[in-house]
Amino acid sequence: MQTDLQFELEFAKAYPAFTSNLSKMAPNLTSREIKISMYLRLNYDSKQIQSQLEISNSTYFNACSSVRKKLKLKRNESLTNKILAL
């Protein structure tokens, strides 16, 4: 299992502008919210993300709700689609 730092470095190589673009759109995201967004960008599903981050279902969905709010997404807009478009 790779460490957080290894994951972040490999992710930055594959998607160099992602985190800066995300931070420009929502500068107040927490590190956990950014990490969840990174996994969504890799097309992980909710169970995989929860397992990787060792968080509960409710923690995951609360974080996603927070990201949606900070990105100012409407109820009918997909968080995953927004993340994949970055």
PDB file of N, CA and C in Angstrom:
ATOM      1  N   MET A   1       0.849  -1.195   0.000  1.00  0.00           N
ATOM      2  CA  MET A   1       0.000   0.000   0.000  1.00  0.00           C
ATOM      3  C   MET A   1       0.882   1.242   0.000  1.00  0.00           C
ATOM      4  N   GLN A   2       0.576   2.147  -0.884  1.00  0.00           N
ATOM      5  CA  GLN A   2       1.413   3.333  -0.994  1.00  0.00           C
ATOM      6  C   GLN A   2       1.058   4.361   0.076  1.00  0.00           C
ATOM      7  N   THR A   3       2.017   5.172   0.452  1.00  0.00           N
ATOM      8  CA  THR A   3       1.793   6.203   1.452  1.00  0.00           C
ATOM      9  C   THR A   3       1.055   7.378   0.833  1.00  0.00           C
ATOM     10  N   ASP A   4       0.575   8.257   1.699  1.00  0.00           N
ATOM     11  CA  ASP A   4      -0.116   9.452   1.213  1.00  0.00           C
ATOM     12  C   ASP A   4       0.789  10.290   0.323  1.00  0.00           C
ATOM     13  N   LEU A   5       2.028  10.452   0.738  1.00  0.00           N
ATOM     14  CA  LEU A   5       2.958  11.269  -0.042  1.00  0.00           C
ATOM     15  C   LEU A   5       3.206  10.661  -1.420  1.00  0.00           C
ATOM     16  N   GLN A   6       3.408   9.345  -1.472  1.00  0.00           N
ATOM     17  CA  GLN A   6       3.610   8.669  -2.755  1.00  0.00           C
ATOM     18  C   GLN A   6       2.386   8.855  -3.648  1.00  0.00           C
ATOM     19  N   PHE A   7       1.201   8.687  -3.062  1.00  0.00           N
ATOM     20  CA  PHE A   7      -0.027   8.865  -3.825  1.00  0.00           C
ATOM     21  C   PHE A   7      -0.095  10.273  -4.408  1.00  0.00           C
ATOM     22  N   GLU A   8       0.160  11.272  -3.559  1.00  0.00           N
ATOM     23  CA  GLU A   8       0.064  12.660  -4.005  1.00  0.00           C
ATOM     24  C   GLU A   8       1.087  12.981  -5.090  1.00  0.00           C
ATOM     25  N   LEU A   9       2.290  12.451  -4.963  1.00  0.00           N
ATOM     26  CA  LEU A   9       3.322  12.689  -5.977  1.00  0.00           C
ATOM     27  C   LEU A   9       2.953  12.044  -7.311  1.00  0.00           C
ATOM     28  N   GLU A  10       2.491  10.801  -7.261  1.00  0.00           N
ATOM     29  CA  GLU A  10       2.078  10.112  -8.492  1.00  0.00           C
ATOM     30  C   GLU A  10       0.875  10.810  -9.131  1.00  0.00           C
ATOM     31  N   PHE A  11      -0.054  11.243  -8.300  1.00  0.00           N
ATOM     32  CA  PHE A  11      -1.228  11.950  -8.807  1.00  0.00           C
ATOM     33  C   PHE A  11      -0.805  13.250  -9.485  1.00  0.00           C
ATOM     34  N   ALA A  12       0.097  13.993  -8.858  1.00  0.00           N
ATOM     35  CA  ALA A  12       0.568  15.275  -9.409  1.00  0.00           C
ATOM     36  C   ALA A  12       1.272  15.075 -10.751  1.00  0.00           C
ATOM     37  N   LYS A  13       1.958  13.948 -10.911  1.00  0.00           N
ATOM     38  CA  LYS A  13       2.601  13.653 -12.205  1.00  0.00           C
ATOM     39  C   LYS A  13       1.549  13.416 -13.282  1.00  0.00           C
ATOM     40  N   ALA A  14       0.510  12.678 -12.925  1.00  0.00           N
ATOM     41  CA  ALA A  14      -0.528  12.330 -13.898  1.00  0.00           C
ATOM     42  C   ALA A  14      -1.466  13.499 -14.194  1.00  0.00           C
ATOM     43  N   TYR A  15      -1.754  14.312 -13.187  1.00  0.00           N
ATOM     44  CA  TYR A  15      -2.703  15.424 -13.338  1.00  0.00           C
ATOM     45  C   TYR A  15      -2.084  16.695 -12.733  1.00  0.00           C
ATOM     46  N   PRO A  16      -1.096  17.269 -13.409  1.00  0.00           N
ATOM     47  CA  PRO A  16      -0.325  18.368 -12.808  1.00  0.00           C
ATOM     48  C   PRO A  16      -1.129  19.615 -12.435  1.00  0.00           C
ATOM     49  N   ALA A  17      -2.176  19.923 -13.160  1.00  0.00           N
ATOM     50  CA  ALA A  17      -2.924  21.164 -12.893  1.00  0.00           C
ATOM     51  C   ALA A  17      -4.161  20.954 -12.020  1.00  0.00           C
ATOM     52  N   PHE A  18      -4.462  19.716 -11.687  1.00  0.00           N
ATOM     53  CA  PHE A  18      -5.734  19.436 -11.008  1.00  0.00           C
ATOM     54  C   PHE A  18      -5.880  20.171  -9.683  1.00  0.00           C
ATOM     55  N   THR A  19      -4.938  19.983  -8.775  1.00  0.00           N
ATOM     56  CA  THR A  19      -5.109  20.576  -7.443  1.00  0.00           C
ATOM     57  C   THR A  19      -5.087  22.104  -7.487  1.00  0.00           C
ATOM     58  N   SER A  20      -4.289  22.682  -8.357  1.00  0.00           N
ATOM     59  CA  SER A  20      -4.290  24.150  -8.446  1.00  0.00           C
ATOM     60  C   SER A  20      -5.609  24.659  -9.025  1.00  0.00           C
ATOM     61  N   ASN A  21      -6.140  23.977 -10.027  1.00  0.00           N
ATOM     62  CA  ASN A  21      -7.442  24.362 -10.586  1.00  0.00           C
ATOM     63  C   ASN A  21      -8.551  24.214  -9.544  1.00  0.00           C
ATOM     64  N   LEU A  22      -8.495  23.122  -8.796  1.00  0.00           N
ATOM     65  CA  LEU A  22      -9.494  22.888  -7.757  1.00  0.00           C
ATOM     66  C   LEU A  22      -9.399  23.957  -6.680  1.00  0.00           C
ATOM     67  N   SER A  23      -8.189  24.284  -6.275  1.00  0.00           N
ATOM     68  CA  SER A  23      -7.988  25.305  -5.241  1.00  0.00           C
ATOM     69  C   SER A  23      -8.421  26.691  -5.698  1.00  0.00           C
ATOM     70  N   LYS A  24      -8.292  26.977  -6.981  1.00  0.00           N
ATOM     71  CA  LYS A  24      -8.768  28.257  -7.511  1.00  0.00           C
ATOM     72  C   LYS A  24     -10.292  28.332  -7.450  1.00  0.00           C
ATOM     73  N   MET A  25     -10.938  27.208  -7.729  1.00  0.00           N
ATOM     74  CA  MET A  25     -12.403  27.174  -7.710  1.00  0.00           C
ATOM     75  C   MET A  25     -12.957  27.226  -6.292  1.00  0.00           C
ATOM     76  N   ALA A  26     -12.239  26.599  -5.361  1.00  0.00           N
ATOM     77  CA  ALA A  26     -12.690  26.535  -3.965  1.00  0.00           C
ATOM     78  C   ALA A  26     -11.469  26.582  -3.050  1.00  0.00           C
ATOM     79  N   PRO A  27     -10.965  27.776  -2.757  1.00  0.00           N
ATOM     80  CA  PRO A  27      -9.724  27.890  -1.990  1.00  0.00           C
ATOM     81  C   PRO A  27      -9.821  27.421  -0.538  1.00  0.00           C
ATOM     82  N   ASN A  28     -11.026  27.235  -0.034  1.00  0.00           N
ATOM     83  CA  ASN A  28     -11.193  26.849   1.364  1.00  0.00           C
ATOM     84  C   ASN A  28     -11.416  25.355   1.579  1.00  0.00           C
ATOM     85  N   LEU A  29     -11.069  24.523   0.604  1.00  0.00           N
ATOM     86  CA  LEU A  29     -11.204  23.075   0.771  1.00  0.00           C
ATOM     87  C   LEU A  29     -10.197  22.558   1.788  1.00  0.00           C
ATOM     88  N   THR A  30     -10.629  21.590   2.589  1.00  0.00           N
ATOM     89  CA  THR A  30      -9.720  20.962   3.547  1.00  0.00           C
ATOM     90  C   THR A  30      -8.855  19.934   2.831  1.00  0.00           C
ATOM     91  N   SER A  31      -7.831  19.465   3.503  1.00  0.00           N
ATOM     92  CA  SER A  31      -6.969  18.452   2.889  1.00  0.00           C
ATOM     93  C   SER A  31      -7.746  17.169   2.604  1.00  0.00           C
ATOM     94  N   ARG A  32      -8.656  16.785   3.477  1.00  0.00           N
ATOM     95  CA  ARG A  32      -9.475  15.593   3.233  1.00  0.00           C
ATOM     96  C   ARG A  32     -10.370  15.786   2.018  1.00  0.00           C
ATOM     97  N   GLU A  33     -10.963  16.963   1.878  1.00  0.00           N
ATOM     98  CA  GLU A  33     -11.827  17.240   0.728  1.00  0.00           C
ATOM     99  C   GLU A  33     -11.032  17.208  -0.570  1.00  0.00           C
ATOM    100  N   ILE A  34      -9.812  17.720  -0.535  1.00  0.00           N
ATOM    101  CA  ILE A  34      -8.955  17.665  -1.717  1.00  0.00           C
ATOM    102  C   ILE A  34      -8.603  16.221  -2.040  1.00  0.00           C
ATOM    103  N   LYS A  35      -8.270  15.444  -1.028  1.00  0.00           N
ATOM    104  CA  LYS A  35      -7.905  14.037  -1.241  1.00  0.00           C
ATOM    105  C   LYS A  35      -9.094  13.263  -1.826  1.00  0.00           C
ATOM    106  N   ILE A  36     -10.289  13.486  -1.318  1.00  0.00           N
ATOM    107  CA  ILE A  36     -11.484  12.834  -1.865  1.00  0.00           C
ATOM    108  C   ILE A  36     -11.666  13.240  -3.326  1.00  0.00           C
ATOM    109  N   SER A  37     -11.456  14.510  -3.621  1.00  0.00           N
ATOM    110  CA  SER A  37     -11.570  14.993  -5.001  1.00  0.00           C
ATOM    111  C   SER A  37     -10.546  14.320  -5.907  1.00  0.00           C
ATOM    112  N   MET A  38      -9.364  14.109  -5.385  1.00  0.00           N
ATOM    113  CA  MET A  38      -8.322  13.429  -6.162  1.00  0.00           C
ATOM    114  C   MET A  38      -8.756  12.002  -6.495  1.00  0.00           C
ATOM    115  N   TYR A  39      -9.293  11.299  -5.519  1.00  0.00           N
ATOM    116  CA  TYR A  39      -9.761   9.931  -5.774  1.00  0.00           C
ATOM    117  C   TYR A  39     -10.943   9.926  -6.743  1.00  0.00           C
ATOM    118  N   LEU A  40     -11.822  10.921  -6.634  1.00  0.00           N
ATOM    119  CA  LEU A  40     -12.928  11.014  -7.592  1.00  0.00           C
ATOM    120  C   LEU A  40     -12.379  11.236  -9.000  1.00  0.00           C
ATOM    121  N   ARG A  41     -11.314  12.027  -9.102  1.00  0.00           N
ATOM    122  CA  ARG A  41     -10.693  12.277 -10.416  1.00  0.00           C
ATOM    123  C   ARG A  41     -10.140  10.987 -11.007  1.00  0.00           C
ATOM    124  N   LEU A  42      -9.706  10.080 -10.131  1.00  0.00           N
ATOM    125  CA  LEU A  42      -9.201   8.783 -10.577  1.00  0.00           C
ATOM    126  C   LEU A  42     -10.335   7.791 -10.831  1.00  0.00           C
ATOM    127  N   ASN A  43     -11.568   8.263 -10.677  1.00  0.00           N
ATOM    128  CA  ASN A  43     -12.766   7.467 -10.940  1.00  0.00           C
ATOM    129  C   ASN A  43     -12.981   6.345  -9.914  1.00  0.00           C
ATOM    130  N   TYR A  44     -12.487   6.540  -8.692  1.00  0.00           N
ATOM    131  CA  TYR A  44     -12.769   5.589  -7.611  1.00  0.00           C
ATOM    132  C   TYR A  44     -14.225   5.740  -7.217  1.00  0.00           C
ATOM    133  N   ASP A  45     -14.856   4.644  -6.795  1.00  0.00           N
ATOM    134  CA  ASP A  45     -16.221   4.768  -6.286  1.00  0.00           C
ATOM    135  C   ASP A  45     -16.177   5.052  -4.784  1.00  0.00           C
ATOM    136  N   SER A  46     -17.327   5.318  -4.205  1.00  0.00           N
ATOM    137  CA  SER A  46     -17.379   5.743  -2.808  1.00  0.00           C
ATOM    138  C   SER A  46     -16.780   4.712  -1.853  1.00  0.00           C
ATOM    139  N   LYS A  47     -17.056   3.446  -2.084  1.00  0.00           N
ATOM    140  CA  LYS A  47     -16.515   2.389  -1.206  1.00  0.00           C
ATOM    141  C   LYS A  47     -14.993   2.335  -1.284  1.00  0.00           C
ATOM    142  N   GLN A  48     -14.438   2.485  -2.476  1.00  0.00           N
ATOM    143  CA  GLN A  48     -12.983   2.467  -2.634  1.00  0.00           C
ATOM    144  C   GLN A  48     -12.346   3.659  -1.920  1.00  0.00           C
ATOM    145  N   ILE A  49     -12.970   4.820  -2.044  1.00  0.00           N
ATOM    146  CA  ILE A  49     -12.434   6.017  -1.389  1.00  0.00           C
ATOM    147  C   ILE A  49     -12.495   5.858   0.125  1.00  0.00           C
ATOM    148  N   GLN A  50     -13.609   5.372   0.622  1.00  0.00           N
ATOM    149  CA  GLN A  50     -13.751   5.161   2.062  1.00  0.00           C
ATOM    150  C   GLN A  50     -12.690   4.195   2.577  1.00  0.00           C
ATOM    151  N   SER A  51     -12.426   3.169   1.820  1.00  0.00           N
ATOM    152  CA  SER A  51     -11.416   2.190   2.206  1.00  0.00           C
ATOM    153  C   SER A  51     -10.018   2.799   2.183  1.00  0.00           C
ATOM    154  N   GLN A  52      -9.684   3.524   1.123  1.00  0.00           N
ATOM    155  CA  GLN A  52      -8.360   4.133   0.995  1.00  0.00           C
ATOM    156  C   GLN A  52      -8.090   5.149   2.103  1.00  0.00           C
ATOM    157  N   LEU A  53      -9.103   5.940   2.443  1.00  0.00           N
ATOM    158  CA  LEU A  53      -8.932   6.994   3.443  1.00  0.00           C
ATOM    159  C   LEU A  53      -9.291   6.529   4.852  1.00  0.00           C
ATOM    160  N   GLU A  54      -9.783   5.305   4.939  1.00  0.00           N
ATOM    161  CA  GLU A  54     -10.193   4.723   6.229  1.00  0.00           C
ATOM    162  C   GLU A  54     -11.180   5.638   6.951  1.00  0.00           C
ATOM    163  N   ILE A  55     -12.258   5.984   6.229  1.00  0.00           N
ATOM    164  CA  ILE A  55     -13.303   6.833   6.787  1.00  0.00           C
ATOM    165  C   ILE A  55     -14.646   6.127   6.666  1.00  0.00           C
ATOM    166  N   SER A  56     -15.594   6.566   7.461  1.00  0.00           N
ATOM    167  CA  SER A  56     -16.921   5.962   7.448  1.00  0.00           C
ATOM    168  C   SER A  56     -17.739   6.493   6.274  1.00  0.00           C
ATOM    169  N   ASN A  57     -18.828   5.810   6.028  1.00  0.00           N
ATOM    170  CA  ASN A  57     -19.760   6.205   4.980  1.00  0.00           C
ATOM    171  C   ASN A  57     -20.272   7.626   5.224  1.00  0.00           C
ATOM    172  N   SER A  58     -20.658   7.920   6.461  1.00  0.00           N
ATOM    173  CA  SER A  58     -21.202   9.245   6.768  1.00  0.00           C
ATOM    174  C   SER A  58     -20.137  10.334   6.636  1.00  0.00           C
ATOM    175  N   THR A  59     -18.903  10.047   7.040  1.00  0.00           N
ATOM    176  CA  THR A  59     -17.818  11.014   6.891  1.00  0.00           C
ATOM    177  C   THR A  59     -17.580  11.313   5.415  1.00  0.00           C
ATOM    178  N   TYR A  60     -17.590  10.274   4.599  1.00  0.00           N
ATOM    179  CA  TYR A  60     -17.400  10.447   3.158  1.00  0.00           C
ATOM    180  C   TYR A  60     -18.499  11.329   2.564  1.00  0.00           C
ATOM    181  N   PHE A  61     -19.751  11.005   2.860  1.00  0.00           N
ATOM    182  CA  PHE A  61     -20.849  11.764   2.270  1.00  0.00           C
ATOM    183  C   PHE A  61     -20.916  13.192   2.804  1.00  0.00           C
ATOM    184  N   ASN A  62     -20.547  13.405   4.066  1.00  0.00           N
ATOM    185  CA  ASN A  62     -20.481  14.770   4.603  1.00  0.00           C
ATOM    186  C   ASN A  62     -19.401  15.575   3.883  1.00  0.00           C
ATOM    187  N   ALA A  63     -18.252  14.955   3.644  1.00  0.00           N
ATOM    188  CA  ALA A  63     -17.160  15.638   2.945  1.00  0.00           C
ATOM    189  C   ALA A  63     -17.573  15.972   1.513  1.00  0.00           C
ATOM    190  N   CYS A  64     -18.218  15.033   0.842  1.00  0.00           N
ATOM    191  CA  CYS A  64     -18.683  15.292  -0.536  1.00  0.00           C
ATOM    192  C   CYS A  64     -19.696  16.425  -0.563  1.00  0.00           C
ATOM    193  N   SER A  65     -20.578  16.450   0.422  1.00  0.00           N
ATOM    194  CA  SER A  65     -21.562  17.521   0.511  1.00  0.00           C
ATOM    195  C   SER A  65     -20.872  18.873   0.708  1.00  0.00           C
ATOM    196  N   SER A  66     -19.842  18.876   1.518  1.00  0.00           N
ATOM    197  CA  SER A  66     -19.079  20.092   1.761  1.00  0.00           C
ATOM    198  C   SER A  66     -18.366  20.558   0.484  1.00  0.00           C
ATOM    199  N   VAL A  67     -17.784  19.624  -0.253  1.00  0.00           N
ATOM    200  CA  VAL A  67     -17.109  19.964  -1.516  1.00  0.00           C
ATOM    201  C   VAL A  67     -18.125  20.534  -2.500  1.00  0.00           C
ATOM    202  N   ARG A  68     -19.283  19.896  -2.597  1.00  0.00           N
ATOM    203  CA  ARG A  68     -20.332  20.382  -3.503  1.00  0.00           C
ATOM    204  C   ARG A  68     -20.705  21.822  -3.165  1.00  0.00           C
ATOM    205  N   LYS A  69     -20.866  22.090  -1.875  1.00  0.00           N
ATOM    206  CA  LYS A  69     -21.247  23.430  -1.424  1.00  0.00           C
ATOM    207  C   LYS A  69     -20.147  24.440  -1.754  1.00  0.00           C
ATOM    208  N   LYS A  70     -18.895  24.073  -1.498  1.00  0.00           N
ATOM    209  CA  LYS A  70     -17.777  24.982  -1.749  1.00  0.00           C
ATOM    210  C   LYS A  70     -17.548  25.225  -3.236  1.00  0.00           C
ATOM    211  N   LEU A  71     -17.916  24.244  -4.073  1.00  0.00           N
ATOM    212  CA  LEU A  71     -17.823  24.424  -5.531  1.00  0.00           C
ATOM    213  C   LEU A  71     -19.079  25.076  -6.104  1.00  0.00           C
ATOM    214  N   LYS A  72     -20.042  25.352  -5.219  1.00  0.00           N
ATOM    215  CA  LYS A  72     -21.304  26.005  -5.601  1.00  0.00           C
ATOM    216  C   LYS A  72     -22.071  25.206  -6.660  1.00  0.00           C
ATOM    217  N   LEU A  73     -22.096  23.892  -6.480  1.00  0.00           N
ATOM    218  CA  LEU A  73     -22.830  23.040  -7.415  1.00  0.00           C
ATOM    219  C   LEU A  73     -24.319  23.049  -7.080  1.00  0.00           C
ATOM    220  N   LYS A  74     -25.124  23.025  -8.114  1.00  0.00           N
ATOM    221  CA  LYS A  74     -26.566  22.925  -7.924  1.00  0.00           C
ATOM    222  C   LYS A  74     -26.917  21.478  -7.608  1.00  0.00           C
ATOM    223  N   ARG A  75     -28.122  21.265  -7.095  1.00  0.00           N
ATOM    224  CA  ARG A  75     -28.550  19.919  -6.700  1.00  0.00           C
ATOM    225  C   ARG A  75     -28.507  18.926  -7.856  1.00  0.00           C
ATOM    226  N   ASN A  76     -28.754  19.402  -9.065  1.00  0.00           N
ATOM    227  CA  ASN A  76     -28.788  18.495 -10.218  1.00  0.00           C
ATOM    228  C   ASN A  76     -27.432  18.340 -10.894  1.00  0.00           C
ATOM    229  N   GLU A  77     -26.389  18.980 -10.373  1.00  0.00           N
ATOM    230  CA  GLU A  77     -25.054  18.876 -10.958  1.00  0.00           C
ATOM    231  C   GLU A  77     -24.258  17.784 -10.243  1.00  0.00           C
ATOM    232  N   SER A  78     -23.558  17.000 -11.010  1.00  0.00           N
ATOM    233  CA  SER A  78     -22.776  15.882 -10.478  1.00  0.00           C
ATOM    234  C   SER A  78     -21.404  16.344 -10.002  1.00  0.00           C
ATOM    235  N   LEU A  79     -21.075  15.993  -8.767  1.00  0.00           N
ATOM    236  CA  LEU A  79     -19.747  16.305  -8.239  1.00  0.00           C
ATOM    237  C   LEU A  79     -18.680  15.572  -9.046  1.00  0.00           C
ATOM    238  N   THR A  80     -18.908  14.312  -9.314  1.00  0.00           N
ATOM    239  CA  THR A  80     -17.923  13.526 -10.076  1.00  0.00           C
ATOM    240  C   THR A  80     -17.679  14.116 -11.454  1.00  0.00           C
ATOM    241  N   ASN A  81     -18.746  14.495 -12.147  1.00  0.00           N
ATOM    242  CA  ASN A  81     -18.583  15.098 -13.470  1.00  0.00           C
ATOM    243  C   ASN A  81     -17.811  16.411 -13.407  1.00  0.00           C
ATOM    244  N   LYS A  82     -18.074  17.219 -12.374  1.00  0.00           N
ATOM    245  CA  LYS A  82     -17.364  18.469 -12.208  1.00  0.00           C
ATOM    246  C   LYS A  82     -15.871  18.214 -11.969  1.00  0.00           C
ATOM    247  N   ILE A  83     -15.577  17.237 -11.121  1.00  0.00           N
ATOM    248  CA  ILE A  83     -14.181  16.884 -10.812  1.00  0.00           C
ATOM    249  C   ILE A  83     -13.492  16.342 -12.054  1.00  0.00           C
ATOM    250  N   LEU A  84     -14.152  15.486 -12.800  1.00  0.00           N
ATOM    251  CA  LEU A  84     -13.558  14.903 -14.005  1.00  0.00           C
ATOM    252  C   LEU A  84     -13.289  15.959 -15.072  1.00  0.00           C
ATOM    253  N   ALA A  85     -14.035  17.062 -15.046  1.00  0.00           N
ATOM    254  CA  ALA A  85     -13.861  18.117 -16.036  1.00  0.00           C
ATOM    255  C   ALA A  85     -12.683  19.042 -15.716  1.00  0.00           C
ATOM    256  N   LEU A  86     -12.145  18.960 -14.524  1.00  0.00           N
ATOM    257  CA  LEU A  86     -11.018  19.826 -14.142  1.00  0.00           C
ATOM    258  C   LEU A  86      -9.725  19.384 -14.782  1.00  0.00           C
TER     259      LEU A  86
END
